[in-house]
Amino acid sequence: SRRALPTPLVSFKKMLGFSRQYYMSHLSW
């Protein structure tokens, strides 16, 4: 429902299983 742009750094981290930044998990629902 909330995502960040898949910049090279964000994409690489997500590919490795670190998806908190990609899904902007810090935001309130």
mmCIF file of all heavy atoms, coordinates in Angstrom:
data_MODEL
# 
_entry.id   MODEL 
# 
loop_
_atom_site.group_PDB 
_atom_site.id 
_atom_site.type_symbol 
_atom_site.label_atom_id 
_atom_site.label_alt_id 
_atom_site.label_comp_id 
_atom_site.label_asym_id 
_atom_site.label_entity_id 
_atom_site.label_seq_id 
_atom_site.pdbx_PDB_ins_code 
_atom_site.Cartn_x 
_atom_site.Cartn_y 
_atom_site.Cartn_z 
_atom_site.occupancy 
_atom_site.B_iso_or_equiv 
_atom_site.pdbx_formal_charge 
_atom_site.auth_seq_id 
_atom_site.auth_comp_id 
_atom_site.auth_asym_id 
_atom_site.auth_atom_id 
_atom_site.pdbx_PDB_model_num 
ATOM 1   N N   . SER A 1 1  ? 0.826  -1.208  0.000  1.00 0.00 ? 1  SER A N   1 
ATOM 2   C CA  . SER A 1 1  ? 0.000  0.000   0.000  1.00 0.00 ? 1  SER A CA  1 
ATOM 3   C C   . SER A 1 1  ? 0.860  1.258   0.000  1.00 0.00 ? 1  SER A C   1 
ATOM 4   O O   . SER A 1 1  ? 0.431  2.314   -0.483 1.00 0.00 ? 1  SER A O   1 
ATOM 5   C CB  . SER A 1 1  ? -0.902 0.026   1.240  1.00 0.00 ? 1  SER A CB  1 
ATOM 6   O OG  . SER A 1 1  ? -1.739 -1.109  1.301  1.00 0.00 ? 1  SER A OG  1 
ATOM 7   N N   . ARG A 1 2  ? 2.054  1.185   0.598  1.00 0.00 ? 2  ARG A N   1 
ATOM 8   C CA  . ARG A 1 2  ? 2.999  2.310   0.608  1.00 0.00 ? 2  ARG A CA  1 
ATOM 9   C C   . ARG A 1 2  ? 4.364  1.775   0.188  1.00 0.00 ? 2  ARG A C   1 
ATOM 10  O O   . ARG A 1 2  ? 4.870  0.822   0.795  1.00 0.00 ? 2  ARG A O   1 
ATOM 11  C CB  . ARG A 1 2  ? 3.144  2.923   2.018  1.00 0.00 ? 2  ARG A CB  1 
ATOM 12  C CG  . ARG A 1 2  ? 1.875  3.409   2.662  1.00 0.00 ? 2  ARG A CG  1 
ATOM 13  C CD  . ARG A 1 2  ? 1.228  2.353   3.547  1.00 0.00 ? 2  ARG A CD  1 
ATOM 14  N NE  . ARG A 1 2  ? 2.161  1.706   4.465  1.00 0.00 ? 2  ARG A NE  1 
ATOM 15  C CZ  . ARG A 1 2  ? 2.382  2.134   5.708  1.00 0.00 ? 2  ARG A CZ  1 
ATOM 16  N NH1 . ARG A 1 2  ? 1.718  3.158   6.184  1.00 0.00 ? 2  ARG A NH1 1 
ATOM 17  N NH2 . ARG A 1 2  ? 3.225  1.495   6.491  1.00 0.00 ? 2  ARG A NH2 1 
ATOM 18  N N   . ARG A 1 3  ? 4.952  2.372   -0.828 1.00 0.00 ? 3  ARG A N   1 
ATOM 19  C CA  . ARG A 1 3  ? 6.257  1.903   -1.276 1.00 0.00 ? 3  ARG A CA  1 
ATOM 20  C C   . ARG A 1 3  ? 7.178  3.081   -1.599 1.00 0.00 ? 3  ARG A C   1 
ATOM 21  O O   . ARG A 1 3  ? 6.724  4.158   -1.973 1.00 0.00 ? 3  ARG A O   1 
ATOM 22  C CB  . ARG A 1 3  ? 6.119  1.027   -2.531 1.00 0.00 ? 3  ARG A CB  1 
ATOM 23  C CG  . ARG A 1 3  ? 5.586  -0.358  -2.262 1.00 0.00 ? 3  ARG A CG  1 
ATOM 24  C CD  . ARG A 1 3  ? 5.491  -1.172  -3.535 1.00 0.00 ? 3  ARG A CD  1 
ATOM 25  N NE  . ARG A 1 3  ? 4.442  -0.667  -4.413 1.00 0.00 ? 3  ARG A NE  1 
ATOM 26  C CZ  . ARG A 1 3  ? 4.262  -1.076  -5.664 1.00 0.00 ? 3  ARG A CZ  1 
ATOM 27  N NH1 . ARG A 1 3  ? 5.084  -1.963  -6.199 1.00 0.00 ? 3  ARG A NH1 1 
ATOM 28  N NH2 . ARG A 1 3  ? 3.274  -0.600  -6.384 1.00 0.00 ? 3  ARG A NH2 1 
ATOM 29  N N   . ALA A 1 4  ? 8.467  2.811   -1.468 1.00 0.00 ? 4  ALA A N   1 
ATOM 30  C CA  . ALA A 1 4  ? 9.483  3.766   -1.879 1.00 0.00 ? 4  ALA A CA  1 
ATOM 31  C C   . ALA A 1 4  ? 9.939  3.428   -3.293 1.00 0.00 ? 4  ALA A C   1 
ATOM 32  O O   . ALA A 1 4  ? 9.709  2.320   -3.790 1.00 0.00 ? 4  ALA A O   1 
ATOM 33  C CB  . ALA A 1 4  ? 10.677 3.718   -0.920 1.00 0.00 ? 4  ALA A CB  1 
ATOM 34  N N   . LEU A 1 5  ? 10.568 4.373   -3.940 1.00 0.00 ? 5  LEU A N   1 
ATOM 35  C CA  . LEU A 1 5  ? 11.113 4.103   -5.262 1.00 0.00 ? 5  LEU A CA  1 
ATOM 36  C C   . LEU A 1 5  ? 12.204 3.044   -5.173 1.00 0.00 ? 5  LEU A C   1 
ATOM 37  O O   . LEU A 1 5  ? 13.019 3.059   -4.246 1.00 0.00 ? 5  LEU A O   1 
ATOM 38  C CB  . LEU A 1 5  ? 11.705 5.382   -5.862 1.00 0.00 ? 5  LEU A CB  1 
ATOM 39  C CG  . LEU A 1 5  ? 10.715 6.391   -6.435 1.00 0.00 ? 5  LEU A CG  1 
ATOM 40  C CD1 . LEU A 1 5  ? 11.428 7.691   -6.757 1.00 0.00 ? 5  LEU A CD1 1 
ATOM 41  C CD2 . LEU A 1 5  ? 10.021 5.836   -7.669 1.00 0.00 ? 5  LEU A CD2 1 
ATOM 42  N N   . PRO A 1 6  ? 12.249 2.136   -6.135 1.00 0.00 ? 6  PRO A N   1 
ATOM 43  C CA  . PRO A 1 6  ? 13.298 1.107   -6.127 1.00 0.00 ? 6  PRO A CA  1 
ATOM 44  C C   . PRO A 1 6  ? 14.614 1.656   -6.680 1.00 0.00 ? 6  PRO A C   1 
ATOM 45  O O   . PRO A 1 6  ? 15.078 1.264   -7.749 1.00 0.00 ? 6  PRO A O   1 
ATOM 46  C CB  . PRO A 1 6  ? 12.706 0.017   -7.028 1.00 0.00 ? 6  PRO A CB  1 
ATOM 47  C CG  . PRO A 1 6  ? 11.849 0.760   -7.994 1.00 0.00 ? 6  PRO A CG  1 
ATOM 48  C CD  . PRO A 1 6  ? 11.268 1.915   -7.212 1.00 0.00 ? 6  PRO A CD  1 
ATOM 49  N N   . THR A 1 7  ? 15.215 2.588   -5.932 1.00 0.00 ? 7  THR A N   1 
ATOM 50  C CA  . THR A 1 7  ? 16.534 3.079   -6.303 1.00 0.00 ? 7  THR A CA  1 
ATOM 51  C C   . THR A 1 7  ? 17.522 1.919   -6.241 1.00 0.00 ? 7  THR A C   1 
ATOM 52  O O   . THR A 1 7  ? 17.206 0.863   -5.676 1.00 0.00 ? 7  THR A O   1 
ATOM 53  C CB  . THR A 1 7  ? 16.973 4.181   -5.330 1.00 0.00 ? 7  THR A CB  1 
ATOM 54  O OG1 . THR A 1 7  ? 17.055 3.611   -4.014 1.00 0.00 ? 7  THR A OG1 1 
ATOM 55  C CG2 . THR A 1 7  ? 15.982 5.339   -5.316 1.00 0.00 ? 7  THR A CG2 1 
ATOM 56  N N   . PRO A 1 8  ? 18.711 2.069   -6.817 1.00 0.00 ? 8  PRO A N   1 
ATOM 57  C CA  . PRO A 1 8  ? 19.671 0.966   -6.761 1.00 0.00 ? 8  PRO A CA  1 
ATOM 58  C C   . PRO A 1 8  ? 19.903 0.423   -5.353 1.00 0.00 ? 8  PRO A C   1 
ATOM 59  O O   . PRO A 1 8  ? 19.915 -0.795  -5.149 1.00 0.00 ? 8  PRO A O   1 
ATOM 60  C CB  . PRO A 1 8  ? 20.941 1.590   -7.351 1.00 0.00 ? 8  PRO A CB  1 
ATOM 61  C CG  . PRO A 1 8  ? 20.431 2.595   -8.321 1.00 0.00 ? 8  PRO A CG  1 
ATOM 62  C CD  . PRO A 1 8  ? 19.201 3.172   -7.675 1.00 0.00 ? 8  PRO A CD  1 
ATOM 63  N N   . LEU A 1 9  ? 20.062 1.320   -4.372 1.00 0.00 ? 9  LEU A N   1 
ATOM 64  C CA  . LEU A 1 9  ? 20.311 0.861   -3.006 1.00 0.00 ? 9  LEU A CA  1 
ATOM 65  C C   . LEU A 1 9  ? 19.091 0.163   -2.419 1.00 0.00 ? 9  LEU A C   1 
ATOM 66  O O   . LEU A 1 9  ? 19.200 -0.930  -1.837 1.00 0.00 ? 9  LEU A O   1 
ATOM 67  C CB  . LEU A 1 9  ? 20.712 2.041   -2.123 1.00 0.00 ? 9  LEU A CB  1 
ATOM 68  C CG  . LEU A 1 9  ? 20.980 1.704   -0.645 1.00 0.00 ? 9  LEU A CG  1 
ATOM 69  C CD1 . LEU A 1 9  ? 22.103 0.676   -0.525 1.00 0.00 ? 9  LEU A CD1 1 
ATOM 70  C CD2 . LEU A 1 9  ? 21.318 2.976   0.134  1.00 0.00 ? 9  LEU A CD2 1 
ATOM 71  N N   . VAL A 1 10 ? 17.912 0.795   -2.562 1.00 0.00 ? 10 VAL A N   1 
ATOM 72  C CA  . VAL A 1 10 ? 16.684 0.206   -2.023 1.00 0.00 ? 10 VAL A CA  1 
ATOM 73  C C   . VAL A 1 10 ? 16.396 -1.138  -2.685 1.00 0.00 ? 10 VAL A C   1 
ATOM 74  O O   . VAL A 1 10 ? 16.021 -2.106  -2.028 1.00 0.00 ? 10 VAL A O   1 
ATOM 75  C CB  . VAL A 1 10 ? 15.499 1.175   -2.209 1.00 0.00 ? 10 VAL A CB  1 
ATOM 76  C CG1 . VAL A 1 10 ? 14.178 0.496   -1.836 1.00 0.00 ? 10 VAL A CG1 1 
ATOM 77  C CG2 . VAL A 1 10 ? 15.694 2.427   -1.364 1.00 0.00 ? 10 VAL A CG2 1 
ATOM 78  N N   . SER A 1 11 ? 16.585 -1.206  -4.000 1.00 0.00 ? 11 SER A N   1 
ATOM 79  C CA  . SER A 1 11 ? 16.337 -2.450  -4.737 1.00 0.00 ? 11 SER A CA  1 
ATOM 80  C C   . SER A 1 11 ? 17.261 -3.565  -4.269 1.00 0.00 ? 11 SER A C   1 
ATOM 81  O O   . SER A 1 11 ? 16.827 -4.706  -4.067 1.00 0.00 ? 11 SER A O   1 
ATOM 82  C CB  . SER A 1 11 ? 16.520 -2.221  -6.241 1.00 0.00 ? 11 SER A CB  1 
ATOM 83  O OG  . SER A 1 11 ? 15.593 -1.287  -6.732 1.00 0.00 ? 11 SER A OG  1 
ATOM 84  N N   . PHE A 1 12 ? 18.530 -3.227  -4.117 1.00 0.00 ? 12 PHE A N   1 
ATOM 85  C CA  . PHE A 1 12 ? 19.502 -4.238  -3.718 1.00 0.00 ? 12 PHE A CA  1 
ATOM 86  C C   . PHE A 1 12 ? 19.183 -4.771  -2.321 1.00 0.00 ? 12 PHE A C   1 
ATOM 87  O O   . PHE A 1 12 ? 19.229 -5.981  -2.074 1.00 0.00 ? 12 PHE A O   1 
ATOM 88  C CB  . PHE A 1 12 ? 20.914 -3.659  -3.760 1.00 0.00 ? 12 PHE A CB  1 
ATOM 89  C CG  . PHE A 1 12 ? 21.995 -4.693  -3.597 1.00 0.00 ? 12 PHE A CG  1 
ATOM 90  C CD1 . PHE A 1 12 ? 22.233 -5.624  -4.596 1.00 0.00 ? 12 PHE A CD1 1 
ATOM 91  C CD2 . PHE A 1 12 ? 22.762 -4.745  -2.444 1.00 0.00 ? 12 PHE A CD2 1 
ATOM 92  C CE1 . PHE A 1 12 ? 23.217 -6.589  -4.450 1.00 0.00 ? 12 PHE A CE1 1 
ATOM 93  C CE2 . PHE A 1 12 ? 23.747 -5.703  -2.293 1.00 0.00 ? 12 PHE A CE2 1 
ATOM 94  C CZ  . PHE A 1 12 ? 23.980 -6.623  -3.310 1.00 0.00 ? 12 PHE A CZ  1 
ATOM 95  N N   . LYS A 1 13 ? 18.809 -3.868  -1.410 1.00 0.00 ? 13 LYS A N   1 
ATOM 96  C CA  . LYS A 1 13 ? 18.457 -4.290  -0.055 1.00 0.00 ? 13 LYS A CA  1 
ATOM 97  C C   . LYS A 1 13 ? 17.213 -5.169  -0.061 1.00 0.00 ? 13 LYS A C   1 
ATOM 98  O O   . LYS A 1 13 ? 17.138 -6.163  0.659  1.00 0.00 ? 13 LYS A O   1 
ATOM 99  C CB  . LYS A 1 13 ? 18.250 -3.053  0.827  1.00 0.00 ? 13 LYS A CB  1 
ATOM 100 C CG  . LYS A 1 13 ? 19.547 -2.308  1.133  1.00 0.00 ? 13 LYS A CG  1 
ATOM 101 C CD  . LYS A 1 13 ? 19.295 -0.942  1.723  1.00 0.00 ? 13 LYS A CD  1 
ATOM 102 C CE  . LYS A 1 13 ? 18.736 -1.018  3.123  1.00 0.00 ? 13 LYS A CE  1 
ATOM 103 N NZ  . LYS A 1 13 ? 18.624 0.336   3.743  1.00 0.00 ? 13 LYS A NZ  1 
ATOM 104 N N   . LYS A 1 14 ? 16.222 -4.805  -0.900 1.00 0.00 ? 14 LYS A N   1 
ATOM 105 C CA  . LYS A 1 14 ? 15.009 -5.616  -0.969 1.00 0.00 ? 14 LYS A CA  1 
ATOM 106 C C   . LYS A 1 14 ? 15.314 -7.004  -1.540 1.00 0.00 ? 14 LYS A C   1 
ATOM 107 O O   . LYS A 1 14 ? 14.763 -8.008  -1.094 1.00 0.00 ? 14 LYS A O   1 
ATOM 108 C CB  . LYS A 1 14 ? 13.946 -4.928  -1.828 1.00 0.00 ? 14 LYS A CB  1 
ATOM 109 C CG  . LYS A 1 14 ? 12.627 -5.687  -1.873 1.00 0.00 ? 14 LYS A CG  1 
ATOM 110 C CD  . LYS A 1 14 ? 11.572 -4.931  -2.651 1.00 0.00 ? 14 LYS A CD  1 
ATOM 111 C CE  . LYS A 1 14 ? 10.241 -5.675  -2.599 1.00 0.00 ? 14 LYS A CE  1 
ATOM 112 N NZ  . LYS A 1 14 ? 10.305 -6.989  -3.270 1.00 0.00 ? 14 LYS A NZ  1 
ATOM 113 N N   . MET A 1 15 ? 16.188 -7.058  -2.550 1.00 0.00 ? 15 MET A N   1 
ATOM 114 C CA  . MET A 1 15 ? 16.552 -8.344  -3.131 1.00 0.00 ? 15 MET A CA  1 
ATOM 115 C C   . MET A 1 15 ? 17.202 -9.264  -2.096 1.00 0.00 ? 15 MET A C   1 
ATOM 116 O O   . MET A 1 15 ? 17.084 -10.483 -2.173 1.00 0.00 ? 15 MET A O   1 
ATOM 117 C CB  . MET A 1 15 ? 17.518 -8.132  -4.303 1.00 0.00 ? 15 MET A CB  1 
ATOM 118 C CG  . MET A 1 15 ? 16.886 -7.508  -5.524 1.00 0.00 ? 15 MET A CG  1 
ATOM 119 S SD  . MET A 1 15 ? 15.707 -8.610  -6.319 1.00 0.00 ? 15 MET A SD  1 
ATOM 120 C CE  . MET A 1 15 ? 15.153 -7.558  -7.654 1.00 0.00 ? 15 MET A CE  1 
ATOM 121 N N   . LEU A 1 16 ? 17.862 -8.654  -1.124 1.00 0.00 ? 16 LEU A N   1 
ATOM 122 C CA  . LEU A 1 16 ? 18.520 -9.428  -0.075 1.00 0.00 ? 16 LEU A CA  1 
ATOM 123 C C   . LEU A 1 16 ? 17.581 -9.734  1.089  1.00 0.00 ? 16 LEU A C   1 
ATOM 124 O O   . LEU A 1 16 ? 17.986 -10.355 2.065  1.00 0.00 ? 16 LEU A O   1 
ATOM 125 C CB  . LEU A 1 16 ? 19.750 -8.678  0.435  1.00 0.00 ? 16 LEU A CB  1 
ATOM 126 C CG  . LEU A 1 16 ? 20.883 -8.472  -0.585 1.00 0.00 ? 16 LEU A CG  1 
ATOM 127 C CD1 . LEU A 1 16 ? 22.005 -7.640  0.027  1.00 0.00 ? 16 LEU A CD1 1 
ATOM 128 C CD2 . LEU A 1 16 ? 21.422 -9.813  -1.064 1.00 0.00 ? 16 LEU A CD2 1 
ATOM 129 N N   . GLY A 1 17 ? 16.326 -9.269  0.966  1.00 0.00 ? 17 GLY A N   1 
ATOM 130 C CA  . GLY A 1 17 ? 15.345 -9.569  1.998  1.00 0.00 ? 17 GLY A CA  1 
ATOM 131 C C   . GLY A 1 17 ? 15.121 -8.473  3.017  1.00 0.00 ? 17 GLY A C   1 
ATOM 132 O O   . GLY A 1 17 ? 14.345 -8.648  3.952  1.00 0.00 ? 17 GLY A O   1 
ATOM 133 N N   . PHE A 1 18 ? 15.770 -7.315  2.836  1.00 0.00 ? 18 PHE A N   1 
ATOM 134 C CA  . PHE A 1 18 ? 15.594 -6.185  3.762  1.00 0.00 ? 18 PHE A CA  1 
ATOM 135 C C   . PHE A 1 18 ? 14.608 -5.204  3.122  1.00 0.00 ? 18 PHE A C   1 
ATOM 136 O O   . PHE A 1 18 ? 15.007 -4.315  2.361  1.00 0.00 ? 18 PHE A O   1 
ATOM 137 C CB  . PHE A 1 18 ? 16.929 -5.511  4.050  1.00 0.00 ? 18 PHE A CB  1 
ATOM 138 C CG  . PHE A 1 18 ? 17.970 -6.447  4.626  1.00 0.00 ? 18 PHE A CG  1 
ATOM 139 C CD1 . PHE A 1 18 ? 18.969 -6.974  3.824  1.00 0.00 ? 18 PHE A CD1 1 
ATOM 140 C CD2 . PHE A 1 18 ? 17.919 -6.818  5.958  1.00 0.00 ? 18 PHE A CD2 1 
ATOM 141 C CE1 . PHE A 1 18 ? 19.917 -7.836  4.340  1.00 0.00 ? 18 PHE A CE1 1 
ATOM 142 C CE2 . PHE A 1 18 ? 18.855 -7.686  6.491  1.00 0.00 ? 18 PHE A CE2 1 
ATOM 143 C CZ  . PHE A 1 18 ? 19.858 -8.197  5.674  1.00 0.00 ? 18 PHE A CZ  1 
ATOM 144 N N   . SER A 1 19 ? 13.323 -5.368  3.438  1.00 0.00 ? 19 SER A N   1 
ATOM 145 C CA  . SER A 1 19 ? 12.284 -4.641  2.708  1.00 0.00 ? 19 SER A CA  1 
ATOM 146 C C   . SER A 1 19 ? 11.625 -3.517  3.508  1.00 0.00 ? 19 SER A C   1 
ATOM 147 O O   . SER A 1 19 ? 10.693 -2.884  3.025  1.00 0.00 ? 19 SER A O   1 
ATOM 148 C CB  . SER A 1 19 ? 11.205 -5.626  2.246  1.00 0.00 ? 19 SER A CB  1 
ATOM 149 O OG  . SER A 1 19 ? 10.643 -6.312  3.349  1.00 0.00 ? 19 SER A OG  1 
ATOM 150 N N   . ARG A 1 20 ? 12.077 -3.264  4.731  1.00 0.00 ? 20 ARG A N   1 
ATOM 151 C CA  . ARG A 1 20 ? 11.430 -2.257  5.567  1.00 0.00 ? 20 ARG A CA  1 
ATOM 152 C C   . ARG A 1 20 ? 11.434 -0.889  4.897  1.00 0.00 ? 20 ARG A C   1 
ATOM 153 O O   . ARG A 1 20 ? 10.421 -0.184  4.887  1.00 0.00 ? 20 ARG A O   1 
ATOM 154 C CB  . ARG A 1 20 ? 12.116 -2.183  6.930  1.00 0.00 ? 20 ARG A CB  1 
ATOM 155 C CG  . ARG A 1 20 ? 11.505 -1.143  7.860  1.00 0.00 ? 20 ARG A CG  1 
ATOM 156 C CD  . ARG A 1 20 ? 12.140 -1.157  9.242  1.00 0.00 ? 20 ARG A CD  1 
ATOM 157 N NE  . ARG A 1 20 ? 11.635 -0.078  10.068 1.00 0.00 ? 20 ARG A NE  1 
ATOM 158 C CZ  . ARG A 1 20 ? 10.479 -0.102  10.716 1.00 0.00 ? 20 ARG A CZ  1 
ATOM 159 N NH1 . ARG A 1 20 ? 9.713  -1.164  10.627 1.00 0.00 ? 20 ARG A NH1 1 
ATOM 160 N NH2 . ARG A 1 20 ? 10.084 0.922   11.441 1.00 0.00 ? 20 ARG A NH2 1 
ATOM 161 N N   . GLN A 1 21 ? 12.573 -0.491  4.322  1.00 0.00 ? 21 GLN A N   1 
ATOM 162 C CA  . GLN A 1 21 ? 12.665 0.813   3.679  1.00 0.00 ? 21 GLN A CA  1 
ATOM 163 C C   . GLN A 1 21 ? 11.786 0.861   2.438  1.00 0.00 ? 21 GLN A C   1 
ATOM 164 O O   . GLN A 1 21 ? 11.096 1.857   2.179  1.00 0.00 ? 21 GLN A O   1 
ATOM 165 C CB  . GLN A 1 21 ? 14.121 1.121   3.305  1.00 0.00 ? 21 GLN A CB  1 
ATOM 166 C CG  . GLN A 1 21 ? 14.314 2.499   2.674  1.00 0.00 ? 21 GLN A CG  1 
ATOM 167 C CD  . GLN A 1 21 ? 15.772 2.767   2.346  1.00 0.00 ? 21 GLN A CD  1 
ATOM 168 O OE1 . GLN A 1 21 ? 16.651 1.965   2.637  1.00 0.00 ? 21 GLN A OE1 1 
ATOM 169 N NE2 . GLN A 1 21 ? 16.040 3.900   1.718  1.00 0.00 ? 21 GLN A NE2 1 
ATOM 170 N N   . TYR A 1 22 ? 11.768 -0.227  1.666  1.00 0.00 ? 22 TYR A N   1 
ATOM 171 C CA  . TYR A 1 22 ? 10.991 -0.266  0.426  1.00 0.00 ? 22 TYR A CA  1 
ATOM 172 C C   . TYR A 1 22 ? 9.500  -0.102  0.706  1.00 0.00 ? 22 TYR A C   1 
ATOM 173 O O   . TYR A 1 22 ? 8.791  0.602   -0.021 1.00 0.00 ? 22 TYR A O   1 
ATOM 174 C CB  . TYR A 1 22 ? 11.246 -1.578  -0.312 1.00 0.00 ? 22 TYR A CB  1 
ATOM 175 C CG  . TYR A 1 22 ? 10.465 -1.721  -1.602 1.00 0.00 ? 22 TYR A CG  1 
ATOM 176 C CD1 . TYR A 1 22 ? 10.747 -0.914  -2.703 1.00 0.00 ? 22 TYR A CD1 1 
ATOM 177 C CD2 . TYR A 1 22 ? 9.441  -2.657  -1.718 1.00 0.00 ? 22 TYR A CD2 1 
ATOM 178 C CE1 . TYR A 1 22 ? 10.027 -1.037  -3.882 1.00 0.00 ? 22 TYR A CE1 1 
ATOM 179 C CE2 . TYR A 1 22 ? 8.723  -2.789  -2.897 1.00 0.00 ? 22 TYR A CE2 1 
ATOM 180 C CZ  . TYR A 1 22 ? 9.018  -1.977  -3.972 1.00 0.00 ? 22 TYR A CZ  1 
ATOM 181 O OH  . TYR A 1 22 ? 8.312  -2.098  -5.142 1.00 0.00 ? 22 TYR A OH  1 
ATOM 182 N N   . TYR A 1 23 ? 9.007  -0.729  1.773  1.00 0.00 ? 23 TYR A N   1 
ATOM 183 C CA  . TYR A 1 23 ? 7.590  -0.654  2.103  1.00 0.00 ? 23 TYR A CA  1 
ATOM 184 C C   . TYR A 1 23 ? 7.259  0.505   3.042  1.00 0.00 ? 23 TYR A C   1 
ATOM 185 O O   . TYR A 1 23 ? 6.136  0.570   3.554  1.00 0.00 ? 23 TYR A O   1 
ATOM 186 C CB  . TYR A 1 23 ? 7.120  -1.983  2.709  1.00 0.00 ? 23 TYR A CB  1 
ATOM 187 C CG  . TYR A 1 23 ? 7.072  -3.105  1.701  1.00 0.00 ? 23 TYR A CG  1 
ATOM 188 C CD1 . TYR A 1 23 ? 7.793  -4.280  1.890  1.00 0.00 ? 23 TYR A CD1 1 
ATOM 189 C CD2 . TYR A 1 23 ? 6.324  -2.982  0.536  1.00 0.00 ? 23 TYR A CD2 1 
ATOM 190 C CE1 . TYR A 1 23 ? 7.752  -5.299  0.951  1.00 0.00 ? 23 TYR A CE1 1 
ATOM 191 C CE2 . TYR A 1 23 ? 6.289  -3.998  -0.405 1.00 0.00 ? 23 TYR A CE2 1 
ATOM 192 C CZ  . TYR A 1 23 ? 7.002  -5.155  -0.187 1.00 0.00 ? 23 TYR A CZ  1 
ATOM 193 O OH  . TYR A 1 23 ? 6.966  -6.164  -1.120 1.00 0.00 ? 23 TYR A OH  1 
ATOM 194 N N   . MET A 1 24 ? 8.206  1.405   3.274  1.00 0.00 ? 24 MET A N   1 
ATOM 195 C CA  . MET A 1 24 ? 7.991  2.610   4.064  1.00 0.00 ? 24 MET A CA  1 
ATOM 196 C C   . MET A 1 24 ? 7.285  2.277   5.383  1.00 0.00 ? 24 MET A C   1 
ATOM 197 O O   . MET A 1 24 ? 6.272  2.882   5.759  1.00 0.00 ? 24 MET A O   1 
ATOM 198 C CB  . MET A 1 24 ? 7.198  3.639   3.251  1.00 0.00 ? 24 MET A CB  1 
ATOM 199 C CG  . MET A 1 24 ? 7.830  3.948   1.894  1.00 0.00 ? 24 MET A CG  1 
ATOM 200 S SD  . MET A 1 24 ? 7.056  5.291   0.969  1.00 0.00 ? 24 MET A SD  1 
ATOM 201 C CE  . MET A 1 24 ? 7.800  6.723   1.780  1.00 0.00 ? 24 MET A CE  1 
ATOM 202 N N   . SER A 1 25 ? 7.829  1.293   6.089  1.00 0.00 ? 25 SER A N   1 
ATOM 203 C CA  . SER A 1 25 ? 7.188  0.748   7.284  1.00 0.00 ? 25 SER A CA  1 
ATOM 204 C C   . SER A 1 25 ? 7.148  1.733   8.451  1.00 0.00 ? 25 SER A C   1 
ATOM 205 O O   . SER A 1 25 ? 6.453  1.475   9.445  1.00 0.00 ? 25 SER A O   1 
ATOM 206 C CB  . SER A 1 25 ? 7.911  -0.534  7.715  1.00 0.00 ? 25 SER A CB  1 
ATOM 207 O OG  . SER A 1 25 ? 7.876  -1.502  6.690  1.00 0.00 ? 25 SER A OG  1 
ATOM 208 N N   . HIS A 1 26 ? 7.863  2.820   8.349  1.00 0.00 ? 26 HIS A N   1 
ATOM 209 C CA  . HIS A 1 26 ? 7.866  3.803   9.430  1.00 0.00 ? 26 HIS A CA  1 
ATOM 210 C C   . HIS A 1 26 ? 6.590  4.644   9.442  1.00 0.00 ? 26 HIS A C   1 
ATOM 211 O O   . HIS A 1 26 ? 6.308  5.340   10.421 1.00 0.00 ? 26 HIS A O   1 
ATOM 212 C CB  . HIS A 1 26 ? 9.077  4.731   9.280  1.00 0.00 ? 26 HIS A CB  1 
ATOM 213 C CG  . HIS A 1 26 ? 9.075  5.530   8.005  1.00 0.00 ? 26 HIS A CG  1 
ATOM 214 N ND1 . HIS A 1 26 ? 9.382  4.984   6.779  1.00 0.00 ? 26 HIS A ND1 1 
ATOM 215 C CD2 . HIS A 1 26 ? 8.777  6.848   7.769  1.00 0.00 ? 26 HIS A CD2 1 
ATOM 216 C CE1 . HIS A 1 26 ? 9.298  5.918   5.838  1.00 0.00 ? 26 HIS A CE1 1 
ATOM 217 N NE2 . HIS A 1 26 ? 8.928  7.041   6.418  1.00 0.00 ? 26 HIS A NE2 1 
ATOM 218 N N   . LEU A 1 27 ? 5.810  4.610   8.367  1.00 0.00 ? 27 LEU A N   1 
ATOM 219 C CA  . LEU A 1 27 ? 4.624  5.444   8.266  1.00 0.00 ? 27 LEU A CA  1 
ATOM 220 C C   . LEU A 1 27 ? 3.450  4.836   9.027  1.00 0.00 ? 27 LEU A C   1 
ATOM 221 O O   . LEU A 1 27 ? 3.320  3.620   9.139  1.00 0.00 ? 27 LEU A O   1 
ATOM 222 C CB  . LEU A 1 27 ? 4.223  5.626   6.799  1.00 0.00 ? 27 LEU A CB  1 
ATOM 223 C CG  . LEU A 1 27 ? 5.211  6.366   5.898  1.00 0.00 ? 27 LEU A CG  1 
ATOM 224 C CD1 . LEU A 1 27 ? 4.698  6.390   4.461  1.00 0.00 ? 27 LEU A CD1 1 
ATOM 225 C CD2 . LEU A 1 27 ? 5.461  7.788   6.402  1.00 0.00 ? 27 LEU A CD2 1 
ATOM 226 N N   . SER A 1 28 ? 2.567  5.704   9.531  1.00 0.00 ? 28 SER A N   1 
ATOM 227 C CA  . SER A 1 28 ? 1.351  5.261   10.197 1.00 0.00 ? 28 SER A CA  1 
ATOM 228 C C   . SER A 1 28 ? 0.357  4.739   9.164  1.00 0.00 ? 28 SER A C   1 
ATOM 229 O O   . SER A 1 28 ? 0.271  5.261   8.053  1.00 0.00 ? 28 SER A O   1 
ATOM 230 C CB  . SER A 1 28 ? 0.719  6.423   10.970 1.00 0.00 ? 28 SER A CB  1 
ATOM 231 O OG  . SER A 1 28 ? -0.591 6.084   11.397 1.00 0.00 ? 28 SER A OG  1 
ATOM 232 N N   . TRP A 1 29 ? -0.396 3.709   9.563  1.00 0.00 ? 29 TRP A N   1 
ATOM 233 C CA  . TRP A 1 29 ? -1.448 3.193   8.694  1.00 0.00 ? 29 TRP A CA  1 
ATOM 234 C C   . TRP A 1 29 ? -2.719 4.045   8.782  1.00 0.00 ? 29 TRP A C   1 
ATOM 235 O O   . TRP A 1 29 ? -3.631 3.880   7.975  1.00 0.00 ? 29 TRP A O   1 
ATOM 236 C CB  . TRP A 1 29 ? -1.789 1.754   9.074  1.00 0.00 ? 29 TRP A CB  1 
ATOM 237 C CG  . TRP A 1 29 ? -0.808 0.743   8.576  1.00 0.00 ? 29 TRP A CG  1 
ATOM 238 C CD1 . TRP A 1 29 ? 0.144  0.089   9.305  1.00 0.00 ? 29 TRP A CD1 1 
ATOM 239 C CD2 . TRP A 1 29 ? -0.676 0.253   7.234  1.00 0.00 ? 29 TRP A CD2 1 
ATOM 240 N NE1 . TRP A 1 29 ? 0.857  -0.774  8.503  1.00 0.00 ? 29 TRP A NE1 1 
ATOM 241 C CE2 . TRP A 1 29 ? 0.372  -0.700  7.231  1.00 0.00 ? 29 TRP A CE2 1 
ATOM 242 C CE3 . TRP A 1 29 ? -1.338 0.523   6.035  1.00 0.00 ? 29 TRP A CE3 1 
ATOM 243 C CZ2 . TRP A 1 29 ? 0.770  -1.375  6.073  1.00 0.00 ? 29 TRP A CZ2 1 
ATOM 244 C CZ3 . TRP A 1 29 ? -0.951 -0.150  4.881  1.00 0.00 ? 29 TRP A CZ3 1 
ATOM 245 C CH2 . TRP A 1 29 ? 0.087  -1.079  4.905  1.00 0.00 ? 29 TRP A CH2 1 
# 
